Amino acid sequence: MSPEEALAFVEKHGVVLQAARGPVPSLAEAVAGGRIRGSWWGHPKGREIYRAADAVCESPDVLVCKLVEGKITYVHRRLWPALVKLASRFPRARLAKVWDEHTPSGAHRSRRLAFPAWVPADVARQAKTLAVSEAEAALSPLLAPRMERAKPKRTRRPPER
C-alpha cells in the first residue's frame, strides 16, 4: 500500500485504528493484507506499514488521537464536524490531538494538544450547523459499541434450593 493509498483508505473509512483491533478498520492489517499476530513491527510488511502510518500521521487532513479504546486512531477531516458535534459523548482526553516528536538527544517525546484547541474555525462552524442525527450517522461505528458496553450485564440466578 502506497502512502497515497493509505490516505485514501483513511478517507474512505473515516475512522481507522493504526494497528489495534476494534469497531473500525486497522491500517496495519489493511497493509498486511490480513490479521497480524503480535507486533506489526516484526511483520514482513512492517516497513510498509510504517511508511503508510507515517504518511497518514503527517497529513493535515487526518486527526491522530486516541479516540477508540485509547488506541492510536486516525479521523479524516470529513468527520471532524461530527466529532466536534458529539464531543460530549467521548472522554475529553481521547479527543486530544497526539503526536511524537524527536528531541535533540534523539529520544521520542509524546505530545498532545487538548480538544478543542486543535479544531479549525471552519470545522467548528460546520459542527454548529450539523444535525445531531447526521453526526450520529457519520460516527455510528464508534457509537454502537459504546452503547453495547453501557448495557448492564445480565447474570443468571442460581436455582433456589
C-alpha atoms as a PDB file:
ATOM      1  CA  MET A   1       0.000   0.000   0.000  1.00  0.00           C
ATOM      2  CA  SER A   2       1.473   3.326  -1.037  1.00  0.00           C
ATOM      3  CA  PRO A   3       1.250   6.412   1.195  1.00  0.00           C
ATOM      4  CA  GLU A   4      -1.419   7.781  -1.146  1.00  0.00           C
ATOM      5  CA  GLU A   5      -3.427   4.565  -0.866  1.00  0.00           C
ATOM      6  CA  ALA A   6      -3.112   4.705   2.924  1.00  0.00           C
ATOM      7  CA  LEU A   7      -4.565   8.222   2.945  1.00  0.00           C
ATOM      8  CA  ALA A   8      -7.356   7.116   0.614  1.00  0.00           C
ATOM      9  CA  PHE A   9      -8.092   4.202   2.972  1.00  0.00           C
ATOM     10  CA  VAL A  10      -8.483   6.597   5.922  1.00  0.00           C
ATOM     11  CA  GLU A  11     -10.609   8.977   3.849  1.00  0.00           C
ATOM     12  CA  LYS A  12     -12.872   6.138   2.694  1.00  0.00           C
ATOM     13  CA  HIS A  13     -13.426   4.682   6.168  1.00  0.00           C
ATOM     14  CA  GLY A  14     -13.346   7.994   8.057  1.00  0.00           C
ATOM     15  CA  VAL A  15     -12.125   6.477  11.335  1.00  0.00           C
ATOM     16  CA  VAL A  16      -9.294   3.932  11.320  1.00  0.00           C
ATOM     17  CA  LEU A  17      -7.145   2.403  14.029  1.00  0.00           C
ATOM     18  CA  GLN A  18      -3.398   2.477  13.440  1.00  0.00           C
ATOM     19  CA  ALA A  19      -2.848  -1.144  14.390  1.00  0.00           C
ATOM     20  CA  ALA A  20      -5.251  -2.268  17.103  1.00  0.00           C
ATOM     21  CA  ARG A  21      -8.417  -4.276  16.555  1.00  0.00           C
ATOM     22  CA  GLY A  22     -11.732  -2.647  17.282  1.00  0.00           C
ATOM     23  CA  PRO A  23     -15.020  -1.463  15.828  1.00  0.00           C
ATOM     24  CA  VAL A  24     -13.272   0.258  12.891  1.00  0.00           C
ATOM     25  CA  PRO A  25     -10.684  -0.965  10.343  1.00  0.00           C
ATOM     26  CA  SER A  26      -6.969  -1.226  11.140  1.00  0.00           C
ATOM     27  CA  LEU A  27      -4.482   0.420   8.779  1.00  0.00           C
ATOM     28  CA  ALA A  28      -1.752  -2.055   9.717  1.00  0.00           C
ATOM     29  CA  GLU A  29      -3.952  -5.043   8.900  1.00  0.00           C
ATOM     30  CA  ALA A  30      -5.068  -3.433   5.646  1.00  0.00           C
ATOM     31  CA  VAL A  31      -1.433  -3.011   4.607  1.00  0.00           C
ATOM     32  CA  ALA A  32      -0.545  -6.523   5.765  1.00  0.00           C
ATOM     33  CA  GLY A  33      -3.495  -7.992   3.911  1.00  0.00           C
ATOM     34  CA  GLY A  34      -4.902  -9.729   6.977  1.00  0.00           C
ATOM     35  CA  ARG A  35      -4.709 -10.262  10.692  1.00  0.00           C
ATOM     36  CA  ILE A  36      -1.360  -9.579  12.379  1.00  0.00           C
ATOM     37  CA  ARG A  37      -0.198 -11.743  15.257  1.00  0.00           C
ATOM     38  CA  GLY A  38       1.958  -9.883  17.737  1.00  0.00           C
ATOM     39  CA  SER A  39       3.554  -6.554  16.948  1.00  0.00           C
ATOM     40  CA  TRP A  40       3.295  -5.166  13.437  1.00  0.00           C
ATOM     41  CA  TRP A  41       6.915  -4.027  13.746  1.00  0.00           C
ATOM     42  CA  GLY A  42       8.023  -7.633  13.296  1.00  0.00           C
ATOM     43  CA  HIS A  43       5.651  -8.359  10.409  1.00  0.00           C
ATOM     44  CA  PRO A  44       7.218  -8.936   6.952  1.00  0.00           C
ATOM     45  CA  LYS A  45       5.379  -5.793   5.791  1.00  0.00           C
ATOM     46  CA  GLY A  46       6.444  -3.795   8.870  1.00  0.00           C
ATOM     47  CA  ARG A  47       8.345  -1.190   6.853  1.00  0.00           C
ATOM     48  CA  GLU A  48       5.400  -0.716   4.507  1.00  0.00           C
ATOM     49  CA  ILE A  49       3.072  -0.365   7.495  1.00  0.00           C
ATOM     50  CA  TYR A  50       5.411   2.236   8.987  1.00  0.00           C
ATOM     51  CA  ARG A  51       5.508   4.251   5.736  1.00  0.00           C
ATOM     52  CA  ALA A  52       1.705   4.142   5.463  1.00  0.00           C
ATOM     53  CA  ALA A  53       1.230   5.173   9.106  1.00  0.00           C
ATOM     54  CA  ASP A  54       3.815   7.943   8.774  1.00  0.00           C
ATOM     55  CA  ALA A  55       2.082   9.368   5.693  1.00  0.00           C
ATOM     56  CA  VAL A  56      -1.276   9.319   7.445  1.00  0.00           C
ATOM     57  CA  CYS A  57       0.132  10.959  10.577  1.00  0.00           C
ATOM     58  CA  GLU A  58       1.733  13.732   8.523  1.00  0.00           C
ATOM     59  CA  SER A  59      -1.458  14.570   6.616  1.00  0.00           C
ATOM     60  CA  PRO A  60      -3.179  17.839   7.580  1.00  0.00           C
ATOM     61  CA  ASP A  61      -6.472  16.094   6.756  1.00  0.00           C
ATOM     62  CA  VAL A  62      -6.095  13.473   9.485  1.00  0.00           C
ATOM     63  CA  LEU A  63      -6.513  13.900  13.221  1.00  0.00           C
ATOM     64  CA  VAL A  64      -4.333  11.487  15.164  1.00  0.00           C
ATOM     65  CA  CYS A  65      -5.872  10.864  18.574  1.00  0.00           C
ATOM     66  CA  LYS A  66      -6.678   8.002  20.961  1.00  0.00           C
ATOM     67  CA  LEU A  67     -10.415   8.022  20.350  1.00  0.00           C
ATOM     68  CA  VAL A  68     -11.114   4.301  20.008  1.00  0.00           C
ATOM     69  CA  GLU A  69     -10.439   2.416  23.236  1.00  0.00           C
ATOM     70  CA  GLY A  70      -7.413   4.634  23.968  1.00  0.00           C
ATOM     71  CA  LYS A  71      -5.561   3.318  20.889  1.00  0.00           C
ATOM     72  CA  ILE A  72      -3.972   5.419  18.133  1.00  0.00           C
ATOM     73  CA  THR A  73      -6.882   6.410  15.902  1.00  0.00           C
ATOM     74  CA  TYR A  74      -6.986   8.321  12.633  1.00  0.00           C
ATOM     75  CA  VAL A  75     -10.021  10.520  11.951  1.00  0.00           C
ATOM     76  CA  HIS A  76     -10.367  12.006   8.478  1.00  0.00           C
ATOM     77  CA  ARG A  77     -11.208  15.707   8.252  1.00  0.00           C
ATOM     78  CA  ARG A  78     -14.594  14.988   6.662  1.00  0.00           C
ATOM     79  CA  LEU A  79     -15.723  13.608  10.044  1.00  0.00           C
ATOM     80  CA  TRP A  80     -14.299  16.364  12.237  1.00  0.00           C
ATOM     81  CA  PRO A  81     -17.566  18.356  12.329  1.00  0.00           C
ATOM     82  CA  ALA A  82     -19.444  15.253  13.506  1.00  0.00           C
ATOM     83  CA  LEU A  83     -16.769  14.560  16.107  1.00  0.00           C
ATOM     84  CA  VAL A  84     -16.989  18.131  17.408  1.00  0.00           C
ATOM     85  CA  LYS A  85     -20.802  17.973  17.461  1.00  0.00           C
ATOM     86  CA  LEU A  86     -20.777  14.777  19.543  1.00  0.00           C
ATOM     87  CA  ALA A  87     -17.669  15.577  21.609  1.00  0.00           C
ATOM     88  CA  SER A  88     -19.594  15.349  24.885  1.00  0.00           C
ATOM     89  CA  ARG A  89     -20.168  11.629  24.224  1.00  0.00           C
ATOM     90  CA  PHE A  90     -16.458  10.812  24.336  1.00  0.00           C
ATOM     91  CA  PRO A  91     -13.864  11.118  27.090  1.00  0.00           C
ATOM     92  CA  ARG A  92     -12.271  14.532  26.534  1.00  0.00           C
ATOM     93  CA  ALA A  93      -8.727  13.156  26.774  1.00  0.00           C
ATOM     94  CA  ARG A  94      -9.408  10.842  23.827  1.00  0.00           C
ATOM     95  CA  LEU A  95     -10.239  13.851  21.628  1.00  0.00           C
ATOM     96  CA  ALA A  96      -6.784  15.398  22.067  1.00  0.00           C
ATOM     97  CA  LYS A  97      -4.513  15.535  19.036  1.00  0.00           C
ATOM     98  CA  VAL A  98      -1.421  13.401  19.727  1.00  0.00           C
ATOM     99  CA  TRP A  99       1.944  13.083  18.048  1.00  0.00           C
ATOM    100  CA  ASP A 100       5.532  12.088  18.771  1.00  0.00           C
ATOM    101  CA  GLU A 101       8.497  14.312  18.215  1.00  0.00           C
ATOM    102  CA  HIS A 102      12.209  13.728  18.373  1.00  0.00           C
ATOM    103  CA  THR A 103      14.201  15.610  20.986  1.00  0.00           C
ATOM    104  CA  PRO A 104      17.686  16.923  20.184  1.00  0.00           C
ATOM    105  CA  SER A 105      19.088  13.869  22.007  1.00  0.00           C
ATOM    106  CA  GLY A 106      17.204  11.577  19.619  1.00  0.00           C
ATOM    107  CA  ALA A 107      14.634  10.402  22.147  1.00  0.00           C
ATOM    108  CA  HIS A 108      10.906  10.394  21.393  1.00  0.00           C
ATOM    109  CA  ARG A 109       8.558  12.665  23.276  1.00  0.00           C
ATOM    110  CA  SER A 110       4.794  12.216  23.167  1.00  0.00           C
ATOM    111  CA  ARG A 111       2.917  15.462  22.701  1.00  0.00           C
ATOM    112  CA  ARG A 112      -0.759  16.361  22.840  1.00  0.00           C
ATOM    113  CA  LEU A 113      -2.969  19.313  22.028  1.00  0.00           C
ATOM    114  CA  ALA A 114      -6.175  19.259  24.048  1.00  0.00           C
ATOM    115  CA  PHE A 115      -9.610  19.362  22.466  1.00  0.00           C
ATOM    116  CA  PRO A 116     -10.904  21.806  21.208  1.00  0.00           C
ATOM    117  CA  ALA A 117      -7.640  23.736  20.690  1.00  0.00           C
ATOM    118  CA  TRP A 118      -6.865  21.717  17.518  1.00  0.00           C
ATOM    119  CA  VAL A 119     -10.300  22.345  15.929  1.00  0.00           C
ATOM    120  CA  PRO A 120     -10.086  24.724  12.946  1.00  0.00           C
ATOM    121  CA  ALA A 121     -12.621  27.594  12.920  1.00  0.00           C
ATOM    122  CA  ASP A 122     -14.320  26.322   9.748  1.00  0.00           C
ATOM    123  CA  VAL A 123     -14.857  22.899  11.333  1.00  0.00           C
ATOM    124  CA  ALA A 124     -16.340  24.475  14.477  1.00  0.00           C
ATOM    125  CA  ARG A 125     -18.771  26.452  12.272  1.00  0.00           C
ATOM    126  CA  GLN A 126     -19.759  23.308  10.351  1.00  0.00           C
ATOM    127  CA  ALA A 127     -20.329  21.449  13.623  1.00  0.00           C
ATOM    128  CA  LYS A 128     -22.762  24.119  14.832  1.00  0.00           C
ATOM    129  CA  THR A 129     -24.965  23.685  11.761  1.00  0.00           C
ATOM    130  CA  LEU A 130     -24.724  19.889  11.627  1.00  0.00           C
ATOM    131  CA  ALA A 131     -27.768  17.991  12.843  1.00  0.00           C
ATOM    132  CA  VAL A 132     -27.123  15.592  15.722  1.00  0.00           C
ATOM    133  CA  SER A 133     -28.700  12.779  13.700  1.00  0.00           C
ATOM    134  CA  GLU A 134     -26.260  13.400  10.827  1.00  0.00           C
ATOM    135  CA  ALA A 135     -23.313  13.388  13.232  1.00  0.00           C
ATOM    136  CA  GLU A 136     -24.567  10.160  14.817  1.00  0.00           C
ATOM    137  CA  ALA A 137     -24.917   8.525  11.406  1.00  0.00           C
ATOM    138  CA  ALA A 138     -21.389   9.584  10.432  1.00  0.00           C
ATOM    139  CA  LEU A 139     -19.884   8.215  13.639  1.00  0.00           C
ATOM    140  CA  SER A 140     -22.175   5.213  14.089  1.00  0.00           C
ATOM    141  CA  PRO A 141     -19.311   2.645  14.204  1.00  0.00           C
ATOM    142  CA  LEU A 142     -17.988   4.449  17.280  1.00  0.00           C
ATOM    143  CA  LEU A 143     -21.307   4.945  18.999  1.00  0.00           C
ATOM    144  CA  ALA A 144     -22.780   1.432  18.709  1.00  0.00           C
ATOM    145  CA  PRO A 145     -20.022  -0.355  20.663  1.00  0.00           C
ATOM    146  CA  ARG A 146     -20.191   2.304  23.370  1.00  0.00           C
ATOM    147  CA  MET A 147     -23.913   1.762  23.750  1.00  0.00           C
ATOM    148  CA  GLU A 148     -23.434  -2.013  23.920  1.00  0.00           C
ATOM    149  CA  ARG A 149     -20.903  -1.652  26.737  1.00  0.00           C
ATOM    150  CA  ALA A 150     -23.242   0.672  28.615  1.00  0.00           C
ATOM    151  CA  LYS A 151     -25.929  -2.011  28.919  1.00  0.00           C
ATOM    152  CA  PRO A 152     -25.874  -3.797  32.264  1.00  0.00           C
ATOM    153  CA  LYS A 153     -24.827  -7.413  32.063  1.00  0.00           C
ATOM    154  CA  ARG A 154     -27.452  -9.947  32.978  1.00  0.00           C
ATOM    155  CA  THR A 155     -26.441 -12.667  35.314  1.00  0.00           C
ATOM    156  CA  ARG A 156     -28.225 -15.922  35.863  1.00  0.00           C
ATOM    157  CA  ARG A 157     -29.508 -16.567  39.280  1.00  0.00           C
ATOM    158  CA  PRO A 158     -28.554 -19.895  40.734  1.00  0.00           C
ATOM    159  CA  PRO A 159     -31.543 -22.149  41.269  1.00  0.00           C
ATOM    160  CA  GLU A 160     -33.064 -21.895  44.703  1.00  0.00           C
ATOM    161  CA  ARG A 161     -32.742 -24.951  46.910  1.00  0.00           C
END
